Amino acid sequence: MAQTEVKISALGERIAEVTLIKWLVNPGDFVEAEQPLAKTIHDLIHRARENKLIPAEIKGSTYHHKHRTV
C-alpha cells in the first residue's frame, strides 16, 4: 500500500509561524481527494492570524497522525 505524506504548502515570506489546531479526520477514516484533513492557524507578519484548511492530495484511508516542527 502506497503512503502519501501530507505537507503544508509553501507559505511565502509573510508567514511567521504555522500551528496545527485540529485534525478533521481520524486514523482509519476514508477521505476523498481535496477533502479537508486538518485546520491550521498561522501568524501573518503585519496582520492578524489567519486560518487555513489542509486538503488531502489523493483519496484513501488515513493511517496515523504525526506532526513535526520544521
PDB file of N, CA and C in Angstrom:
ATOM      1  N   MET A   1       0.843  -1.174   0.000  1.00  0.00           N
ATOM      2  CA  MET A   1       0.000   0.000   0.000  1.00  0.00           C
ATOM      3  C   MET A   1       0.890   1.240   0.000  1.00  0.00           C
ATOM      4  N   ALA A   2       0.645   2.130  -0.935  1.00  0.00           N
ATOM      5  CA  ALA A   2       1.422   3.363  -1.020  1.00  0.00           C
ATOM      6  C   ALA A   2       0.992   4.344   0.066  1.00  0.00           C
ATOM      7  N   GLN A   3       1.937   5.117   0.539  1.00  0.00           N
ATOM      8  CA  GLN A   3       1.649   6.129   1.545  1.00  0.00           C
ATOM      9  C   GLN A   3       1.990   7.502   0.986  1.00  0.00           C
ATOM     10  N   THR A   4       1.183   8.486   1.353  1.00  0.00           N
ATOM     11  CA  THR A   4       1.417   9.863   0.939  1.00  0.00           C
ATOM     12  C   THR A   4       1.522  10.725   2.175  1.00  0.00           C
ATOM     13  N   GLU A   5       2.569  11.496   2.264  1.00  0.00           N
ATOM     14  CA  GLU A   5       2.753  12.406   3.394  1.00  0.00           C
ATOM     15  C   GLU A   5       2.020  13.702   3.102  1.00  0.00           C
ATOM     16  N   VAL A   6       1.269  14.173   4.080  1.00  0.00           N
ATOM     17  CA  VAL A   6       0.556  15.439   3.934  1.00  0.00           C
ATOM     18  C   VAL A   6       1.490  16.555   4.355  1.00  0.00           C
ATOM     19  N   LYS A   7       1.660  17.528   3.468  1.00  0.00           N
ATOM     20  CA  LYS A   7       2.567  18.630   3.750  1.00  0.00           C
ATOM     21  C   LYS A   7       1.826  19.954   3.662  1.00  0.00           C
ATOM     22  N   ILE A   8       2.262  20.892   4.449  1.00  0.00           N
ATOM     23  CA  ILE A   8       1.750  22.240   4.333  1.00  0.00           C
ATOM     24  C   ILE A   8       2.512  22.893   3.195  1.00  0.00           C
ATOM     25  N   SER A   9       1.779  23.435   2.234  1.00  0.00           N
ATOM     26  CA  SER A   9       2.419  24.013   1.047  1.00  0.00           C
ATOM     27  C   SER A   9       3.300  25.207   1.404  1.00  0.00           C
ATOM     28  N   ALA A  10       4.093  25.611   0.462  1.00  0.00           N
ATOM     29  CA  ALA A  10       4.944  26.788   0.663  1.00  0.00           C
ATOM     30  C   ALA A  10       4.077  27.973   1.045  1.00  0.00           C
ATOM     31  N   LEU A  11       4.451  28.657   2.079  1.00  0.00           N
ATOM     32  CA  LEU A  11       3.583  29.681   2.643  1.00  0.00           C
ATOM     33  C   LEU A  11       3.994  31.105   2.301  1.00  0.00           C
ATOM     34  N   GLY A  12       5.190  31.303   1.838  1.00  0.00           N
ATOM     35  CA  GLY A  12       5.613  32.648   1.480  1.00  0.00           C
ATOM     36  C   GLY A  12       6.297  33.364   2.623  1.00  0.00           C
ATOM     37  N   GLU A  13       6.885  34.489   2.307  1.00  0.00           N
ATOM     38  CA  GLU A  13       7.681  35.236   3.273  1.00  0.00           C
ATOM     39  C   GLU A  13       6.861  35.934   4.343  1.00  0.00           C
ATOM     40  N   ARG A  14       5.576  36.178   4.089  1.00  0.00           N
ATOM     41  CA  ARG A  14       4.789  36.919   5.069  1.00  0.00           C
ATOM     42  C   ARG A  14       4.266  36.051   6.210  1.00  0.00           C
ATOM     43  N   ILE A  15       4.514  34.732   6.167  1.00  0.00           N
ATOM     44  CA  ILE A  15       4.076  33.819   7.222  1.00  0.00           C
ATOM     45  C   ILE A  15       5.185  33.680   8.255  1.00  0.00           C
ATOM     46  N   ALA A  16       4.830  33.909   9.518  1.00  0.00           N
ATOM     47  CA  ALA A  16       5.820  33.816  10.593  1.00  0.00           C
ATOM     48  C   ALA A  16       5.837  32.437  11.226  1.00  0.00           C
ATOM     49  N   GLU A  17       4.656  31.814  11.410  1.00  0.00           N
ATOM     50  CA  GLU A  17       4.558  30.528  12.106  1.00  0.00           C
ATOM     51  C   GLU A  17       3.241  29.856  11.751  1.00  0.00           C
ATOM     52  N   VAL A  18       3.224  28.517  11.701  1.00  0.00           N
ATOM     53  CA  VAL A  18       2.005  27.754  11.436  1.00  0.00           C
ATOM     54  C   VAL A  18       1.801  26.761  12.571  1.00  0.00           C
ATOM     55  N   THR A  19       0.556  26.645  13.051  1.00  0.00           N
ATOM     56  CA  THR A  19       0.216  25.703  14.111  1.00  0.00           C
ATOM     57  C   THR A  19      -0.969  24.858  13.671  1.00  0.00           C
ATOM     58  N   LEU A  20      -0.852  23.535  13.774  1.00  0.00           N
ATOM     59  CA  LEU A  20      -1.977  22.644  13.517  1.00  0.00           C
ATOM     60  C   LEU A  20      -2.879  22.720  14.742  1.00  0.00           C
ATOM     61  N   ILE A  21      -4.128  23.117  14.545  1.00  0.00           N
ATOM     62  CA  ILE A  21      -5.012  23.289  15.699  1.00  0.00           C
ATOM     63  C   ILE A  21      -6.062  22.195  15.825  1.00  0.00           C
ATOM     64  N   LYS A  22      -6.356  21.476  14.715  1.00  0.00           N
ATOM     65  CA  LYS A  22      -7.369  20.430  14.824  1.00  0.00           C
ATOM     66  C   LYS A  22      -7.301  19.478  13.644  1.00  0.00           C
ATOM     67  N   TRP A  23      -7.296  18.171  13.936  1.00  0.00           N
ATOM     68  CA  TRP A  23      -7.465  17.170  12.897  1.00  0.00           C
ATOM     69  C   TRP A  23      -8.949  17.074  12.606  1.00  0.00           C
ATOM     70  N   LEU A  24      -9.341  17.016  11.349  1.00  0.00           N
ATOM     71  CA  LEU A  24     -10.742  16.913  10.960  1.00  0.00           C
ATOM     72  C   LEU A  24     -11.144  15.491  10.600  1.00  0.00           C
ATOM     73  N   VAL A  25     -10.178  14.574  10.583  1.00  0.00           N
ATOM     74  CA  VAL A  25     -10.422  13.152  10.328  1.00  0.00           C
ATOM     75  C   VAL A  25      -9.694  12.338  11.392  1.00  0.00           C
ATOM     76  N   ASN A  26     -10.106  11.080  11.529  1.00  0.00           N
ATOM     77  CA  ASN A  26      -9.473  10.164  12.481  1.00  0.00           C
ATOM     78  C   ASN A  26      -8.662   9.124  11.735  1.00  0.00           C
ATOM     79  N   PRO A  27      -7.654   8.515  12.390  1.00  0.00           N
ATOM     80  CA  PRO A  27      -6.923   7.422  11.751  1.00  0.00           C
ATOM     81  C   PRO A  27      -7.906   6.324  11.325  1.00  0.00           C
ATOM     82  N   GLY A  28      -7.745   5.839  10.095  1.00  0.00           N
ATOM     83  CA  GLY A  28      -8.619   4.800   9.562  1.00  0.00           C
ATOM     84  C   GLY A  28      -9.785   5.332   8.745  1.00  0.00           C
ATOM     85  N   ASP A  29     -10.056   6.632   8.816  1.00  0.00           N
ATOM     86  CA  ASP A  29     -11.138   7.223   8.024  1.00  0.00           C
ATOM     87  C   ASP A  29     -10.781   7.196   6.542  1.00  0.00           C
ATOM     88  N   PHE A  30     -11.787   6.993   5.692  1.00  0.00           N
ATOM     89  CA  PHE A  30     -11.594   7.114   4.250  1.00  0.00           C
ATOM     90  C   PHE A  30     -11.832   8.565   3.879  1.00  0.00           C
ATOM     91  N   VAL A  31     -10.960   9.133   3.054  1.00  0.00           N
ATOM     92  CA  VAL A  31     -11.098  10.520   2.618  1.00  0.00           C
ATOM     93  C   VAL A  31     -11.051  10.594   1.097  1.00  0.00           C
ATOM     94  N   GLU A  32     -11.723  11.589   0.572  1.00  0.00           N
ATOM     95  CA  GLU A  32     -11.689  11.884  -0.857  1.00  0.00           C
ATOM     96  C   GLU A  32     -10.592  12.908  -1.131  1.00  0.00           C
ATOM     97  N   ALA A  33     -10.105  12.957  -2.360  1.00  0.00           N
ATOM     98  CA  ALA A  33      -9.129  13.978  -2.751  1.00  0.00           C
ATOM     99  C   ALA A  33      -9.747  15.355  -2.520  1.00  0.00           C
ATOM    100  N   GLU A  34      -8.955  16.264  -2.009  1.00  0.00           N
ATOM    101  CA  GLU A  34      -9.349  17.646  -1.711  1.00  0.00           C
ATOM    102  C   GLU A  34     -10.202  17.792  -0.450  1.00  0.00           C
ATOM    103  N   GLN A  35     -10.538  16.668   0.220  1.00  0.00           N
ATOM    104  CA  GLN A  35     -11.286  16.767   1.477  1.00  0.00           C
ATOM    105  C   GLN A  35     -10.382  17.365   2.555  1.00  0.00           C
ATOM    106  N   PRO A  36     -10.862  18.325   3.341  1.00  0.00           N
ATOM    107  CA  PRO A  36     -10.030  18.898   4.404  1.00  0.00           C
ATOM    108  C   PRO A  36      -9.638  17.846   5.439  1.00  0.00           C
ATOM    109  N   LEU A  37      -8.342  17.799   5.765  1.00  0.00           N
ATOM    110  CA  LEU A  37      -7.813  16.859   6.753  1.00  0.00           C
ATOM    111  C   LEU A  37      -7.545  17.522   8.093  1.00  0.00           C
ATOM    112  N   ALA A  38      -7.078  18.749   8.046  1.00  0.00           N
ATOM    113  CA  ALA A  38      -6.663  19.429   9.276  1.00  0.00           C
ATOM    114  C   ALA A  38      -6.879  20.928   9.128  1.00  0.00           C
ATOM    115  N   LYS A  39      -7.000  21.569  10.270  1.00  0.00           N
ATOM    116  CA  LYS A  39      -7.159  23.022  10.312  1.00  0.00           C
ATOM    117  C   LYS A  39      -5.906  23.605  10.953  1.00  0.00           C
ATOM    118  N   THR A  40      -5.355  24.628  10.327  1.00  0.00           N
ATOM    119  CA  THR A  40      -4.173  25.292  10.867  1.00  0.00           C
ATOM    120  C   THR A  40      -4.475  26.768  11.094  1.00  0.00           C
ATOM    121  N   ILE A  41      -3.625  27.376  11.856  1.00  0.00           N
ATOM    122  CA  ILE A  41      -3.679  28.822  12.022  1.00  0.00           C
ATOM    123  C   ILE A  41      -2.253  29.318  11.854  1.00  0.00           C
ATOM    124  N   HIS A  42      -2.108  30.437  11.178  1.00  0.00           N
ATOM    125  CA  HIS A  42      -0.755  30.965  11.015  1.00  0.00           C
ATOM    126  C   HIS A  42      -0.745  32.463  11.266  1.00  0.00           C
ATOM    127  N   ASP A  43       0.367  32.905  11.793  1.00  0.00           N
ATOM    128  CA  ASP A  43       0.573  34.316  12.081  1.00  0.00           C
ATOM    129  C   ASP A  43       1.135  34.999  10.843  1.00  0.00           C
ATOM    130  N   LEU A  44       0.466  36.028  10.434  1.00  0.00           N
ATOM    131  CA  LEU A  44       0.931  36.817   9.299  1.00  0.00           C
ATOM    132  C   LEU A  44       1.734  37.999   9.814  1.00  0.00           C
ATOM    133  N   ILE A  45       2.835  38.265   9.169  1.00  0.00           N
ATOM    134  CA  ILE A  45       3.633  39.431   9.538  1.00  0.00           C
ATOM    135  C   ILE A  45       2.821  40.678   9.191  1.00  0.00           C
ATOM    136  N   HIS A  46       2.697  41.588  10.131  1.00  0.00           N
ATOM    137  CA  HIS A  46       1.985  42.858   9.964  1.00  0.00           C
ATOM    138  C   HIS A  46       0.465  42.710   9.871  1.00  0.00           C
ATOM    139  N   ARG A  47      -0.097  41.522  10.210  1.00  0.00           N
ATOM    140  CA  ARG A  47      -1.552  41.360  10.183  1.00  0.00           C
ATOM    141  C   ARG A  47      -1.972  40.367  11.261  1.00  0.00           C
ATOM    142  N   ALA A  48      -3.266  40.193  11.389  1.00  0.00           N
ATOM    143  CA  ALA A  48      -3.814  39.258  12.375  1.00  0.00           C
ATOM    144  C   ALA A  48      -3.610  37.811  11.926  1.00  0.00           C
ATOM    145  N   ARG A  49      -4.090  36.889  12.740  1.00  0.00           N
ATOM    146  CA  ARG A  49      -3.985  35.462  12.419  1.00  0.00           C
ATOM    147  C   ARG A  49      -4.976  35.075  11.330  1.00  0.00           C
ATOM    148  N   GLU A  50      -4.647  34.017  10.616  1.00  0.00           N
ATOM    149  CA  GLU A  50      -5.479  33.541   9.520  1.00  0.00           C
ATOM    150  C   GLU A  50      -5.582  32.024   9.587  1.00  0.00           C
ATOM    151  N   ASN A  51      -6.791  31.464   9.376  1.00  0.00           N
ATOM    152  CA  ASN A  51      -6.991  30.010   9.370  1.00  0.00           C
ATOM    153  C   ASN A  51      -6.818  29.460   7.959  1.00  0.00           C
ATOM    154  N   LYS A  52      -6.402  28.201   7.874  1.00  0.00           N
ATOM    155  CA  LYS A  52      -6.259  27.539   6.587  1.00  0.00           C
ATOM    156  C   LYS A  52      -6.567  26.059   6.766  1.00  0.00           C
ATOM    157  N   LEU A  53      -7.322  25.473   5.828  1.00  0.00           N
ATOM    158  CA  LEU A  53      -7.592  24.042   5.840  1.00  0.00           C
ATOM    159  C   LEU A  53      -6.567  23.347   4.956  1.00  0.00           C
ATOM    160  N   ILE A  54      -6.076  22.202   5.417  1.00  0.00           N
ATOM    161  CA  ILE A  54      -5.108  21.418   4.644  1.00  0.00           C
ATOM    162  C   ILE A  54      -5.861  20.257   4.002  1.00  0.00           C
ATOM    163  N   PRO A  55      -5.926  20.205   2.654  1.00  0.00           N
ATOM    164  CA  PRO A  55      -6.698  19.157   1.981  1.00  0.00           C
ATOM    165  C   PRO A  55      -5.882  17.893   1.715  1.00  0.00           C
ATOM    166  N   ALA A  56      -6.611  16.790   1.524  1.00  0.00           N
ATOM    167  CA  ALA A  56      -5.986  15.535   1.090  1.00  0.00           C
ATOM    168  C   ALA A  56      -5.577  15.693  -0.377  1.00  0.00           C
ATOM    169  N   GLU A  57      -4.403  15.198  -0.727  1.00  0.00           N
ATOM    170  CA  GLU A  57      -3.954  15.272  -2.121  1.00  0.00           C
ATOM    171  C   GLU A  57      -4.584  14.158  -2.957  1.00  0.00           C
ATOM    172  N   ILE A  58      -4.850  13.013  -2.332  1.00  0.00           N
ATOM    173  CA  ILE A  58      -5.430  11.860  -3.025  1.00  0.00           C
ATOM    174  C   ILE A  58      -6.498  11.236  -2.142  1.00  0.00           C
ATOM    175  N   LYS A  59      -7.348  10.367  -2.717  1.00  0.00           N
ATOM    176  CA  LYS A  59      -8.328   9.663  -1.893  1.00  0.00           C
ATOM    177  C   LYS A  59      -7.684   8.420  -1.299  1.00  0.00           C
ATOM    178  N   GLY A  60      -8.180   7.996  -0.144  1.00  0.00           N
ATOM    179  CA  GLY A  60      -7.652   6.809   0.508  1.00  0.00           C
ATOM    180  C   GLY A  60      -7.960   6.844   1.992  1.00  0.00           C
ATOM    181  N   SER A  61      -7.371   5.921   2.728  1.00  0.00           N
ATOM    182  CA  SER A  61      -7.586   5.832   4.171  1.00  0.00           C
ATOM    183  C   SER A  61      -6.417   6.469   4.911  1.00  0.00           C
ATOM    184  N   THR A  62      -6.742   7.166   5.989  1.00  0.00           N
ATOM    185  CA  THR A  62      -5.689   7.729   6.831  1.00  0.00           C
ATOM    186  C   THR A  62      -5.135   6.609   7.693  1.00  0.00           C
ATOM    187  N   TYR A  63      -3.852   6.693   8.063  1.00  0.00           N
ATOM    188  CA  TYR A  63      -3.294   5.614   8.868  1.00  0.00           C
ATOM    189  C   TYR A  63      -2.776   6.072  10.217  1.00  0.00           C
ATOM    190  N   HIS A  64      -2.272   7.248  10.354  1.00  0.00           N
ATOM    191  CA  HIS A  64      -1.943   7.799  11.671  1.00  0.00           C
ATOM    192  C   HIS A  64      -1.588   9.270  11.530  1.00  0.00           C
ATOM    193  N   HIS A  65      -1.656   9.935  12.654  1.00  0.00           N
ATOM    194  CA  HIS A  65      -1.348  11.367  12.666  1.00  0.00           C
ATOM    195  C   HIS A  65      -0.042  11.585  13.398  1.00  0.00           C
ATOM    196  N   LYS A  66       0.816  12.333  12.790  1.00  0.00           N
ATOM    197  CA  LYS A  66       2.020  12.798  13.482  1.00  0.00           C
ATOM    198  C   LYS A  66       2.346  14.145  12.873  1.00  0.00           C
ATOM    199  N   HIS A  67       2.994  14.948  13.620  1.00  0.00           N
ATOM    200  CA  HIS A  67       3.436  16.220  13.077  1.00  0.00           C
ATOM    201  C   HIS A  67       4.785  16.565  13.658  1.00  0.00           C
ATOM    202  N   ARG A  68       5.477  17.404  12.962  1.00  0.00           N
ATOM    203  CA  ARG A  68       6.796  17.799  13.415  1.00  0.00           C
ATOM    204  C   ARG A  68       7.004  19.265  13.117  1.00  0.00           C
ATOM    205  N   THR A  69       7.866  19.857  13.869  1.00  0.00           N
ATOM    206  CA  THR A  69       8.213  21.257  13.668  1.00  0.00           C
ATOM    207  C   THR A  69       9.392  21.325  12.729  1.00  0.00           C
ATOM    208  N   VAL A  70       9.290  22.164  11.722  1.00  0.00           N
ATOM    209  CA  VAL A  70      10.380  22.317  10.752  1.00  0.00           C
ATOM    210  C   VAL A  70      10.849  23.747  10.761  1.00  0.00           C
TER     211      VAL A  70
END
